[in-house]
N, C-alpha and C. Protein backbone atom coordinates (compact mmCIF):
# COMPACT_ATOMS: atom_id res chain seq x y z
N MET A 1 169.52 84.38 103.88
CA MET A 1 170.93 84.10 103.79
C MET A 1 171.15 82.62 104.09
N THR A 2 171.34 81.83 103.05
CA THR A 2 171.40 80.39 103.23
C THR A 2 172.73 79.83 102.74
N LEU A 3 172.98 78.59 103.14
CA LEU A 3 174.14 77.89 102.62
C LEU A 3 173.92 77.60 101.15
N PHE A 4 175.00 77.67 100.36
CA PHE A 4 174.87 77.48 98.92
C PHE A 4 175.41 76.12 98.48
N ASP A 5 176.62 75.79 98.92
CA ASP A 5 177.21 74.51 98.53
C ASP A 5 178.09 74.04 99.68
N THR A 6 177.97 72.77 100.05
CA THR A 6 178.72 72.25 101.19
C THR A 6 179.68 71.14 100.77
N THR A 7 180.13 71.15 99.52
CA THR A 7 181.08 70.15 99.05
C THR A 7 182.50 70.64 99.29
N PRO A 8 183.28 69.96 100.16
CA PRO A 8 184.63 70.45 100.47
C PRO A 8 185.69 69.87 99.53
N GLU A 9 186.80 70.61 99.46
CA GLU A 9 187.98 70.16 98.74
C GLU A 9 189.08 69.94 99.78
N LEU A 10 189.64 68.72 99.83
CA LEU A 10 190.74 68.43 100.75
C LEU A 10 192.03 68.97 100.16
N LEU A 11 192.70 69.85 100.89
CA LEU A 11 193.93 70.44 100.37
C LEU A 11 195.10 69.47 100.49
N PRO A 12 196.03 69.48 99.52
CA PRO A 12 197.15 68.53 99.49
C PRO A 12 198.29 68.97 100.40
N LEU A 13 198.03 69.00 101.70
CA LEU A 13 199.04 69.40 102.69
C LEU A 13 199.37 68.19 103.56
N PRO A 14 200.53 67.55 103.36
CA PRO A 14 200.88 66.34 104.12
C PRO A 14 200.79 66.55 105.63
N GLY A 15 200.06 65.65 106.29
CA GLY A 15 199.93 65.69 107.73
C GLY A 15 198.83 66.59 108.23
N ALA A 16 198.25 67.40 107.35
CA ALA A 16 197.23 68.37 107.77
C ALA A 16 195.83 67.86 107.45
N SER A 17 194.85 68.44 108.13
CA SER A 17 193.44 68.21 107.82
C SER A 17 192.85 69.58 107.49
N CYS A 18 192.84 69.89 106.21
CA CYS A 18 192.47 71.24 105.78
C CYS A 18 191.48 71.13 104.62
N TYR A 19 190.30 71.73 104.78
CA TYR A 19 189.21 71.58 103.82
C TYR A 19 188.74 72.95 103.34
N TYR A 20 188.49 73.05 102.04
CA TYR A 20 188.06 74.32 101.44
C TYR A 20 186.67 74.15 100.85
N TYR A 21 185.75 75.02 101.28
CA TYR A 21 184.38 75.06 100.76
C TYR A 21 184.27 76.34 99.94
N PRO A 22 184.41 76.29 98.62
CA PRO A 22 184.47 77.52 97.82
C PRO A 22 183.18 78.33 97.80
N GLN A 23 182.05 77.68 98.02
CA GLN A 23 180.77 78.39 97.98
C GLN A 23 179.96 78.11 99.24
N PHE A 24 180.57 78.37 100.37
CA PHE A 24 179.90 78.20 101.66
C PHE A 24 178.70 79.13 101.75
N LEU A 25 178.85 80.39 101.31
CA LEU A 25 177.75 81.34 101.22
C LEU A 25 177.52 81.71 99.77
N ASP A 26 176.28 81.93 99.38
CA ASP A 26 176.03 82.37 98.01
C ASP A 26 176.46 83.83 97.86
N ALA A 27 176.55 84.30 96.63
CA ALA A 27 177.12 85.62 96.34
C ALA A 27 176.34 86.74 97.01
N THR A 28 175.02 86.63 97.03
CA THR A 28 174.19 87.68 97.64
C THR A 28 174.43 87.76 99.14
N ALA A 29 174.42 86.61 99.81
CA ALA A 29 174.64 86.60 101.25
C ALA A 29 176.03 87.10 101.59
N ALA A 30 177.03 86.67 100.83
CA ALA A 30 178.41 87.08 101.09
C ALA A 30 178.55 88.60 100.97
N GLN A 31 177.92 89.19 99.96
CA GLN A 31 178.01 90.64 99.77
C GLN A 31 177.27 91.40 100.88
N GLU A 32 176.11 90.89 101.27
CA GLU A 32 175.34 91.55 102.34
C GLU A 32 176.11 91.52 103.66
N TYR A 33 176.68 90.38 104.00
CA TYR A 33 177.47 90.28 105.22
C TYR A 33 178.69 91.19 105.15
N PHE A 34 179.35 91.23 103.99
CA PHE A 34 180.54 92.06 103.83
C PHE A 34 180.21 93.53 104.10
N GLU A 35 179.18 94.03 103.47
CA GLU A 35 178.82 95.44 103.63
C GLU A 35 178.42 95.76 105.07
N LEU A 36 177.72 94.84 105.70
CA LEU A 36 177.27 95.04 107.08
C LEU A 36 178.46 95.06 108.04
N LEU A 37 179.36 94.09 107.91
CA LEU A 37 180.50 94.00 108.82
C LEU A 37 181.50 95.12 108.58
N LEU A 38 181.67 95.51 107.33
CA LEU A 38 182.59 96.60 107.01
C LEU A 38 182.14 97.88 107.71
N ALA A 39 180.84 98.14 107.70
CA ALA A 39 180.31 99.38 108.26
C ALA A 39 180.16 99.35 109.77
N GLN A 40 179.83 98.20 110.34
CA GLN A 40 179.44 98.16 111.75
C GLN A 40 180.51 97.67 112.71
N THR A 41 181.59 97.08 112.21
CA THR A 41 182.63 96.54 113.09
C THR A 41 183.50 97.65 113.67
N PRO A 42 183.79 97.64 114.98
CA PRO A 42 184.69 98.64 115.58
C PRO A 42 186.15 98.27 115.31
N TRP A 43 186.60 98.50 114.10
CA TRP A 43 187.94 98.10 113.68
C TRP A 43 189.01 98.84 114.49
N GLN A 44 190.11 98.14 114.77
CA GLN A 44 191.25 98.75 115.46
C GLN A 44 192.54 98.37 114.75
N GLN A 45 193.56 99.20 114.91
CA GLN A 45 194.88 98.92 114.34
C GLN A 45 195.90 98.95 115.47
N ASP A 46 196.44 97.79 115.80
CA ASP A 46 197.42 97.67 116.87
C ASP A 46 198.83 97.77 116.31
N ASP A 47 199.78 98.03 117.19
CA ASP A 47 201.19 98.04 116.82
C ASP A 47 201.79 96.66 117.04
N ILE A 48 202.70 96.27 116.14
CA ILE A 48 203.43 95.02 116.29
C ILE A 48 204.92 95.33 116.32
N THR A 49 205.69 94.46 116.97
CA THR A 49 207.13 94.62 117.05
C THR A 49 207.82 93.58 116.18
N VAL A 50 208.62 94.05 115.23
CA VAL A 50 209.34 93.16 114.32
C VAL A 50 210.82 93.50 114.41
N PHE A 51 211.61 92.52 114.88
CA PHE A 51 213.05 92.71 115.03
C PHE A 51 213.37 93.99 115.82
N GLY A 52 212.60 94.19 116.90
CA GLY A 52 212.87 95.31 117.80
C GLY A 52 212.27 96.64 117.38
N LYS A 53 211.65 96.68 116.19
CA LYS A 53 211.04 97.92 115.72
C LYS A 53 209.52 97.80 115.77
N VAL A 54 208.87 98.91 116.09
CA VAL A 54 207.41 98.93 116.23
C VAL A 54 206.77 99.49 114.97
N TYR A 55 205.78 98.75 114.44
CA TYR A 55 205.08 99.18 113.23
C TYR A 55 203.58 99.04 113.45
N PRO A 56 202.78 99.87 112.76
CA PRO A 56 201.34 99.63 112.76
C PRO A 56 201.04 98.31 112.03
N GLN A 57 200.21 97.50 112.61
CA GLN A 57 199.85 96.22 111.98
C GLN A 57 199.22 96.50 110.61
N PRO A 58 199.67 95.79 109.56
CA PRO A 58 199.20 96.10 108.20
C PRO A 58 197.81 95.54 107.88
N ARG A 59 196.89 95.75 108.77
CA ARG A 59 195.48 95.38 108.59
C ARG A 59 194.74 95.86 109.82
N LEU A 60 193.41 95.88 109.77
CA LEU A 60 192.60 96.23 110.92
C LEU A 60 191.96 94.96 111.49
N THR A 61 191.69 94.95 112.79
CA THR A 61 191.17 93.75 113.43
C THR A 61 190.06 94.07 114.41
N ALA A 62 189.34 93.03 114.81
CA ALA A 62 188.33 93.12 115.88
C ALA A 62 188.12 91.72 116.42
N LEU A 63 187.88 91.61 117.71
CA LEU A 63 187.65 90.31 118.34
C LEU A 63 186.26 90.26 118.95
N TYR A 64 185.56 89.16 118.69
CA TYR A 64 184.25 88.92 119.29
C TYR A 64 184.29 87.58 120.02
N GLY A 65 183.49 87.45 121.08
CA GLY A 65 183.47 86.19 121.81
C GLY A 65 182.25 86.08 122.70
N ASN A 66 181.99 84.85 123.16
CA ASN A 66 180.84 84.62 124.03
C ASN A 66 181.25 84.13 125.41
N ASN A 67 182.58 84.10 125.69
CA ASN A 67 183.01 83.65 127.01
C ASN A 67 183.91 84.67 127.71
N GLY A 68 184.05 85.86 127.12
CA GLY A 68 184.83 86.91 127.75
C GLY A 68 186.32 86.71 127.74
N MET A 69 186.80 85.67 127.07
CA MET A 69 188.23 85.35 127.09
C MET A 69 188.99 86.24 126.11
N PRO A 70 190.09 86.88 126.56
CA PRO A 70 190.93 87.67 125.65
C PRO A 70 191.77 86.75 124.77
N TYR A 71 192.35 87.31 123.73
CA TYR A 71 193.20 86.54 122.82
C TYR A 71 194.50 87.31 122.62
N SER A 72 195.63 86.61 122.76
CA SER A 72 196.93 87.25 122.64
C SER A 72 197.74 86.63 121.51
N TYR A 73 198.38 87.48 120.69
CA TYR A 73 199.29 87.03 119.65
C TYR A 73 200.22 88.19 119.32
N SER A 74 201.48 87.87 118.99
CA SER A 74 202.46 88.89 118.59
C SER A 74 202.51 90.08 119.56
N ASN A 75 202.47 89.76 120.88
CA ASN A 75 202.50 90.78 121.93
C ASN A 75 201.30 91.73 121.89
N ILE A 76 200.21 91.29 121.25
CA ILE A 76 198.96 92.05 121.24
C ILE A 76 197.94 91.27 122.06
N LYS A 77 197.24 91.95 122.95
CA LYS A 77 196.18 91.31 123.73
C LYS A 77 194.86 91.99 123.41
N MET A 78 193.92 91.21 122.90
CA MET A 78 192.62 91.74 122.49
C MET A 78 191.52 91.23 123.41
N TYR A 79 190.55 92.11 123.68
CA TYR A 79 189.40 91.74 124.50
C TYR A 79 188.15 91.73 123.62
N PRO A 80 187.28 90.73 123.83
CA PRO A 80 186.18 90.53 122.88
C PRO A 80 184.99 91.45 123.08
N HIS A 81 184.37 91.81 121.96
CA HIS A 81 183.03 92.40 121.95
C HIS A 81 182.03 91.25 121.95
N GLU A 82 180.78 91.54 122.29
CA GLU A 82 179.73 90.52 122.22
C GLU A 82 179.35 90.28 120.76
N PHE A 83 179.06 89.04 120.42
CA PHE A 83 178.68 88.70 119.05
C PHE A 83 177.48 89.53 118.60
N THR A 84 177.57 90.06 117.38
CA THR A 84 176.42 90.72 116.76
C THR A 84 175.50 89.66 116.17
N SER A 85 174.31 90.06 115.76
CA SER A 85 173.38 89.10 115.16
C SER A 85 173.94 88.53 113.86
N ALA A 86 174.61 89.37 113.07
CA ALA A 86 175.18 88.89 111.81
C ALA A 86 176.28 87.86 112.05
N LEU A 87 177.18 88.14 112.99
CA LEU A 87 178.25 87.20 113.29
C LEU A 87 177.69 85.91 113.90
N SER A 88 176.65 86.04 114.71
CA SER A 88 176.02 84.85 115.29
C SER A 88 175.40 83.98 114.20
N GLU A 89 174.80 84.61 113.19
CA GLU A 89 174.23 83.86 112.07
C GLU A 89 175.32 83.07 111.33
N ILE A 90 176.42 83.76 111.01
CA ILE A 90 177.51 83.08 110.28
C ILE A 90 178.11 81.98 111.14
N LYS A 91 178.31 82.26 112.42
CA LYS A 91 178.86 81.28 113.35
C LYS A 91 177.99 80.02 113.39
N GLN A 92 176.69 80.20 113.44
CA GLN A 92 175.79 79.05 113.48
C GLN A 92 175.90 78.23 112.20
N LYS A 93 175.98 78.90 111.05
CA LYS A 93 176.12 78.19 109.77
C LYS A 93 177.42 77.39 109.74
N VAL A 94 178.51 77.99 110.23
CA VAL A 94 179.80 77.30 110.27
C VAL A 94 179.73 76.09 111.18
N GLU A 95 179.11 76.25 112.34
CA GLU A 95 179.03 75.15 113.30
C GLU A 95 178.17 74.00 112.79
N ILE A 96 177.07 74.33 112.11
CA ILE A 96 176.22 73.27 111.55
C ILE A 96 176.98 72.48 110.49
N LEU A 97 177.72 73.18 109.64
CA LEU A 97 178.43 72.51 108.56
C LEU A 97 179.61 71.69 109.06
N THR A 98 180.38 72.25 110.00
CA THR A 98 181.63 71.60 110.42
C THR A 98 181.47 70.65 111.59
N GLY A 99 180.41 70.82 112.38
CA GLY A 99 180.24 70.00 113.57
C GLY A 99 181.09 70.46 114.74
N HIS A 100 181.74 71.61 114.61
CA HIS A 100 182.57 72.16 115.68
C HIS A 100 181.91 73.43 116.24
N HIS A 101 182.07 73.64 117.54
CA HIS A 101 181.53 74.83 118.18
C HIS A 101 182.67 75.78 118.52
N PHE A 102 182.42 77.08 118.35
CA PHE A 102 183.46 78.09 118.51
C PHE A 102 183.03 79.14 119.53
N SER A 103 184.00 79.62 120.31
CA SER A 103 183.72 80.63 121.33
C SER A 103 184.04 82.03 120.87
N SER A 104 184.89 82.16 119.85
CA SER A 104 185.43 83.47 119.49
C SER A 104 185.57 83.62 117.99
N CYS A 105 185.66 84.88 117.56
CA CYS A 105 185.89 85.17 116.15
C CYS A 105 186.82 86.38 116.04
N LEU A 106 187.96 86.19 115.41
CA LEU A 106 188.88 87.28 115.12
C LEU A 106 188.65 87.73 113.69
N LEU A 107 188.28 89.00 113.51
CA LEU A 107 188.04 89.55 112.18
C LEU A 107 189.27 90.33 111.72
N ASN A 108 189.63 90.17 110.47
CA ASN A 108 190.70 90.93 109.84
C ASN A 108 190.13 91.69 108.66
N LEU A 109 190.49 92.96 108.55
CA LEU A 109 190.11 93.77 107.39
C LEU A 109 191.37 94.13 106.62
N TYR A 110 191.47 93.60 105.40
CA TYR A 110 192.56 93.96 104.49
C TYR A 110 192.02 95.03 103.56
N ARG A 111 192.46 96.27 103.77
CA ARG A 111 191.86 97.41 103.09
C ARG A 111 192.24 97.48 101.61
N ASN A 112 193.42 96.99 101.27
CA ASN A 112 193.92 97.01 99.89
C ASN A 112 195.08 96.02 99.80
N GLY A 113 195.78 96.02 98.67
CA GLY A 113 196.86 95.06 98.46
C GLY A 113 198.06 95.27 99.36
N LYS A 114 198.17 96.45 99.98
CA LYS A 114 199.28 96.71 100.89
C LYS A 114 199.07 96.06 102.25
N ASP A 115 197.83 95.78 102.59
CA ASP A 115 197.55 95.09 103.86
C ASP A 115 197.85 93.61 103.71
N SER A 116 198.38 93.01 104.77
CA SER A 116 198.84 91.63 104.67
C SER A 116 198.87 90.98 106.05
N ASN A 117 199.25 89.72 106.07
CA ASN A 117 199.45 88.96 107.30
C ASN A 117 200.65 88.06 107.06
N GLY A 118 201.71 88.21 107.85
CA GLY A 118 202.94 87.47 107.63
C GLY A 118 202.83 86.00 108.01
N TRP A 119 203.90 85.25 107.74
CA TRP A 119 203.92 83.82 108.04
C TRP A 119 203.67 83.59 109.53
N HIS A 120 202.73 82.72 109.84
CA HIS A 120 202.42 82.39 111.23
C HIS A 120 201.57 81.13 111.26
N ALA A 121 201.43 80.56 112.45
CA ALA A 121 200.47 79.48 112.69
C ALA A 121 199.59 79.91 113.85
N ASP A 122 198.34 79.52 113.82
CA ASP A 122 197.43 79.81 114.92
C ASP A 122 197.61 78.73 115.98
N ASP A 123 198.75 78.82 116.69
CA ASP A 123 199.12 77.77 117.64
C ASP A 123 199.35 78.30 119.05
N GLU A 124 198.70 79.42 119.38
CA GLU A 124 198.83 79.96 120.73
C GLU A 124 198.25 78.97 121.75
N LYS A 125 198.81 78.99 122.97
CA LYS A 125 198.44 78.01 124.00
C LYS A 125 196.95 78.03 124.30
N GLU A 126 196.35 79.22 124.29
CA GLU A 126 194.94 79.30 124.67
C GLU A 126 194.01 78.66 123.62
N LEU A 127 194.56 78.29 122.46
CA LEU A 127 193.76 77.62 121.43
C LEU A 127 193.79 76.10 121.57
N GLY A 128 194.62 75.58 122.50
CA GLY A 128 194.70 74.14 122.70
C GLY A 128 195.72 73.48 121.79
N PRO A 129 195.96 72.16 121.97
CA PRO A 129 197.04 71.47 121.24
C PRO A 129 196.76 71.27 119.75
N HIS A 130 195.52 71.06 119.37
CA HIS A 130 195.16 70.84 117.96
C HIS A 130 193.97 71.75 117.61
N PRO A 131 194.21 73.05 117.47
CA PRO A 131 193.08 73.98 117.29
C PRO A 131 192.33 73.78 115.98
N VAL A 132 191.05 74.05 116.05
CA VAL A 132 190.20 74.06 114.86
C VAL A 132 189.93 75.52 114.52
N ILE A 133 190.29 75.92 113.30
CA ILE A 133 190.11 77.29 112.84
C ILE A 133 189.22 77.25 111.60
N ALA A 134 188.11 77.98 111.65
CA ALA A 134 187.20 78.07 110.50
C ALA A 134 187.25 79.50 109.98
N SER A 135 187.72 79.66 108.75
CA SER A 135 187.98 80.98 108.19
C SER A 135 187.02 81.28 107.03
N VAL A 136 186.20 82.31 107.21
CA VAL A 136 185.23 82.71 106.19
C VAL A 136 185.75 83.98 105.50
N SER A 137 185.74 84.01 104.17
CA SER A 137 186.22 85.15 103.40
C SER A 137 185.05 85.92 102.79
N LEU A 138 185.13 87.25 102.88
CA LEU A 138 184.13 88.14 102.30
C LEU A 138 184.85 89.27 101.57
N GLY A 139 184.27 89.74 100.47
CA GLY A 139 184.90 90.84 99.74
C GLY A 139 185.85 90.36 98.66
N ALA A 140 186.95 91.09 98.50
CA ALA A 140 187.88 90.82 97.41
C ALA A 140 188.60 89.48 97.58
N THR A 141 188.95 88.86 96.47
CA THR A 141 189.74 87.63 96.46
C THR A 141 191.20 87.95 96.78
N ARG A 142 191.81 87.16 97.66
CA ARG A 142 193.22 87.32 97.98
C ARG A 142 193.93 85.96 97.92
N ILE A 143 195.22 86.02 97.62
CA ILE A 143 196.06 84.83 97.62
C ILE A 143 196.33 84.41 99.06
N PHE A 144 196.27 83.11 99.31
CA PHE A 144 196.55 82.53 100.63
C PHE A 144 197.62 81.47 100.44
N LYS A 145 198.69 81.52 101.25
CA LYS A 145 199.80 80.59 101.08
C LYS A 145 200.02 79.76 102.34
N PHE A 146 200.42 78.51 102.13
CA PHE A 146 200.88 77.63 103.20
C PHE A 146 202.36 77.31 102.99
N ARG A 147 203.09 77.04 104.07
CA ARG A 147 204.43 76.43 103.97
C ARG A 147 204.64 75.56 105.20
N ASP A 148 205.36 74.45 105.02
CA ASP A 148 205.57 73.56 106.15
C ASP A 148 206.58 74.15 107.12
N LYS A 149 206.37 73.92 108.39
CA LYS A 149 207.21 74.51 109.43
C LYS A 149 208.62 73.93 109.41
N ALA A 150 208.74 72.67 109.05
CA ALA A 150 210.02 71.97 109.18
C ALA A 150 211.09 72.52 108.24
N THR A 151 210.75 72.67 106.97
CA THR A 151 211.77 73.06 105.98
C THR A 151 211.56 74.46 105.43
N LYS A 152 210.36 75.02 105.60
CA LYS A 152 209.99 76.32 105.05
C LYS A 152 210.04 76.31 103.51
N LYS A 153 210.12 75.12 102.90
CA LYS A 153 210.27 75.02 101.45
C LYS A 153 209.01 74.49 100.77
N ASN A 154 208.35 73.53 101.40
CA ASN A 154 207.17 72.93 100.80
C ASN A 154 206.01 73.90 100.93
N THR A 155 205.57 74.50 99.82
CA THR A 155 204.54 75.54 99.87
C THR A 155 203.33 75.18 99.01
N TYR A 156 202.23 75.82 99.32
CA TYR A 156 200.99 75.62 98.57
C TYR A 156 200.27 76.96 98.51
N LYS A 157 199.77 77.33 97.34
CA LYS A 157 199.12 78.62 97.14
C LYS A 157 197.71 78.42 96.60
N MET A 158 196.79 79.24 97.08
CA MET A 158 195.40 79.15 96.63
C MET A 158 194.77 80.53 96.70
N GLU A 159 193.59 80.66 96.08
CA GLU A 159 192.81 81.89 96.16
C GLU A 159 191.65 81.68 97.12
N LEU A 160 191.43 82.66 98.01
CA LEU A 160 190.27 82.65 98.89
C LEU A 160 189.26 83.64 98.33
N THR A 161 188.12 83.12 97.90
CA THR A 161 187.11 83.94 97.24
C THR A 161 185.98 84.29 98.19
N ALA A 162 185.18 85.28 97.82
CA ALA A 162 184.07 85.73 98.66
C ALA A 162 183.07 84.60 98.88
N GLY A 163 182.67 84.41 100.12
CA GLY A 163 181.71 83.37 100.46
C GLY A 163 182.33 82.02 100.74
N SER A 164 183.64 81.91 100.66
CA SER A 164 184.30 80.62 100.88
C SER A 164 184.59 80.38 102.36
N LEU A 165 184.79 79.11 102.70
CA LEU A 165 185.15 78.69 104.05
C LEU A 165 186.37 77.80 103.98
N LEU A 166 187.40 78.11 104.76
CA LEU A 166 188.59 77.28 104.88
C LEU A 166 188.61 76.72 106.29
N LEU A 167 188.55 75.40 106.42
CA LEU A 167 188.54 74.74 107.72
C LEU A 167 189.89 74.06 107.96
N MET A 168 190.60 74.52 108.99
CA MET A 168 191.90 73.95 109.34
C MET A 168 191.79 73.28 110.70
N LYS A 169 192.12 71.99 110.76
CA LYS A 169 192.00 71.28 112.03
C LYS A 169 193.08 70.20 112.13
N GLY A 170 192.96 69.32 113.13
CA GLY A 170 193.97 68.28 113.32
C GLY A 170 195.33 68.91 113.62
N THR A 171 196.36 68.45 112.91
CA THR A 171 197.72 68.95 113.14
C THR A 171 198.12 70.04 112.14
N THR A 172 197.14 70.66 111.49
CA THR A 172 197.44 71.70 110.50
C THR A 172 198.31 72.80 111.10
N GLN A 173 197.91 73.34 112.27
CA GLN A 173 198.65 74.44 112.87
C GLN A 173 199.99 73.99 113.46
N ASN A 174 200.09 72.70 113.77
CA ASN A 174 201.34 72.17 114.31
C ASN A 174 202.41 72.00 113.22
N LEU A 175 201.97 71.72 112.00
CA LEU A 175 202.90 71.38 110.92
C LEU A 175 203.05 72.47 109.86
N TRP A 176 202.07 73.37 109.77
CA TRP A 176 202.05 74.32 108.66
C TRP A 176 201.87 75.76 109.15
N GLN A 177 202.49 76.70 108.44
CA GLN A 177 202.25 78.12 108.61
C GLN A 177 201.44 78.62 107.43
N HIS A 178 200.85 79.82 107.58
CA HIS A 178 200.10 80.40 106.47
C HIS A 178 200.26 81.91 106.47
N GLN A 179 199.91 82.55 105.36
CA GLN A 179 200.02 84.00 105.24
C GLN A 179 199.09 84.52 104.15
N ILE A 180 198.79 85.82 104.26
CA ILE A 180 198.17 86.59 103.18
C ILE A 180 199.23 87.59 102.73
N PRO A 181 199.90 87.37 101.61
CA PRO A 181 200.98 88.28 101.19
C PRO A 181 200.44 89.58 100.61
N LYS A 182 201.29 90.58 100.61
CA LYS A 182 200.97 91.83 99.93
C LYS A 182 200.87 91.57 98.43
N THR A 183 200.17 92.42 97.71
CA THR A 183 200.09 92.32 96.26
C THR A 183 200.12 93.70 95.63
N ALA A 184 200.78 93.79 94.48
CA ALA A 184 200.84 95.06 93.75
C ALA A 184 199.58 95.27 92.90
N LYS A 185 198.76 94.23 92.79
CA LYS A 185 197.53 94.34 92.03
C LYS A 185 196.53 95.23 92.77
N LYS A 186 195.69 95.89 91.99
CA LYS A 186 194.63 96.69 92.59
C LYS A 186 193.52 95.75 93.08
N VAL A 187 193.36 95.69 94.38
CA VAL A 187 192.32 94.85 94.95
C VAL A 187 191.51 95.66 95.95
N GLY A 188 190.24 95.34 96.05
CA GLY A 188 189.37 96.00 97.00
C GLY A 188 189.52 95.42 98.38
N PRO A 189 188.76 95.90 99.35
CA PRO A 189 188.85 95.40 100.71
C PRO A 189 188.33 93.97 100.86
N ARG A 190 188.93 93.27 101.80
CA ARG A 190 188.53 91.89 102.12
C ARG A 190 188.39 91.76 103.62
N ILE A 191 187.33 91.09 104.04
CA ILE A 191 187.13 90.77 105.46
C ILE A 191 187.27 89.27 105.63
N ASN A 192 188.02 88.89 106.65
CA ASN A 192 188.26 87.48 106.98
C ASN A 192 187.76 87.24 108.40
N LEU A 193 186.88 86.26 108.57
CA LEU A 193 186.36 85.89 109.89
C LEU A 193 186.99 84.57 110.29
N THR A 194 187.77 84.57 111.36
CA THR A 194 188.40 83.33 111.80
C THR A 194 187.78 82.89 113.12
N PHE A 195 186.92 81.88 113.03
CA PHE A 195 186.27 81.34 114.21
C PHE A 195 187.21 80.35 114.89
N ARG A 196 187.26 80.42 116.23
CA ARG A 196 188.18 79.58 116.99
C ARG A 196 187.61 79.41 118.41
N THR A 197 188.21 78.52 119.18
CA THR A 197 187.81 78.33 120.57
C THR A 197 188.98 78.71 121.47
N ILE A 198 188.76 79.73 122.29
CA ILE A 198 189.79 80.20 123.22
C ILE A 198 189.50 79.59 124.59
N GLN A 199 190.48 78.89 125.12
CA GLN A 199 190.29 78.16 126.38
C GLN A 199 190.80 78.97 127.57
C-alpha cells in the first residue's frame, strides 16, 4: 500500500490554505483500506440537537487517538479507541506527505446519499487557534462544499474521490465552513478519515 501521487491542487478559497491531493492512495490501496475499516470499525450513531429537537446523527462515527484525549462537538463527547494498524499506516503516510503530526482521527461513515454533514467548521477550542485537518476519502465519491463564514454567499464545490486527501490548515477553519450535503443520487458508502491534533 504505497503513495500514488503527491501533487497538490491549491483550492481557490480566499484567506485559506487548502490543498487537494486527488490520488494520495492508489485505487487498490484505497479499496483495501475501505473494506477493512468498514468491517472492523466500531461505528456508533449519536444523537444531535437541532433547534431544540433531538435527531439521530445522519452518519456513523468513531474516534481514534494516541493521547487519550476526548473530542467534543455539537454537544457530543467522544472517547478514543487505540489506533489500529491500518489507521496507523494511513496516519504515517499523511504525516510524511504533509509534515504535520496528528494525535487523533475522527472517522465518518456515510452509508448512502441520505447521510450527510451540515455546515460547520472544525474550530473547537481543543483543536487550537489554527487547526490542521487532513481528510482522507475512501469508497464512494461525494460532493464537498465550502462557504465563507462572513457572508455565507461565497461558495465552492468539489468532488472528493476515493484515495484523495484534502489538507485544510492556516486560517481555513477560521474563515470557511464546509459540508457534505445529502444527495438524491444512488451512491454507495463512503468513509472519511479526518486526522487532527486534540490538545
